[in-house]
């Protein structure tokens, strides 16, 4: 992805979506994601199709978190601590011994190398464009728009 297509607000919204999905449906973080400025998608391993009511609840929860004006911070921890406290399954093998953890207040924390906003109030309105389910994978397509 080119630098001009990168969107820190969209990437930070992905973190909030991942945490929301895991908290609501115990499905873990997305195992595949594609984040772009116009629209993005995340794929989750989940045992059932989410209903329209579920999808609306996810969208509402993500927007509630965004509106809390939560600081987005980072800290660096040793690899052993990262492996013990966070999901490190998507880190490259050569990630090294010092791992960057991106935190959205007490709501989410995970290893990440991407750029993020400094506060959730910079994200804008999150909306789910579509969601489909196939072979135990829920794909959620979403966008963010400045209000």
Foldseek 3Di string as FASTA:
>chain_A
DDPVFDDQLQVVLLQLLQLLCCVVQVFHGFPDKDTTQFKIKGKTQHDDDDDPVRQVVSLVSSQVLLVVFFFKDKDKDFPVVQVVPAPCVPPDPVNDGIFIWIDRHVRGIHTDDDHHDGTSPVNARKDWPDWDDDPRMIMTMIHHDHD
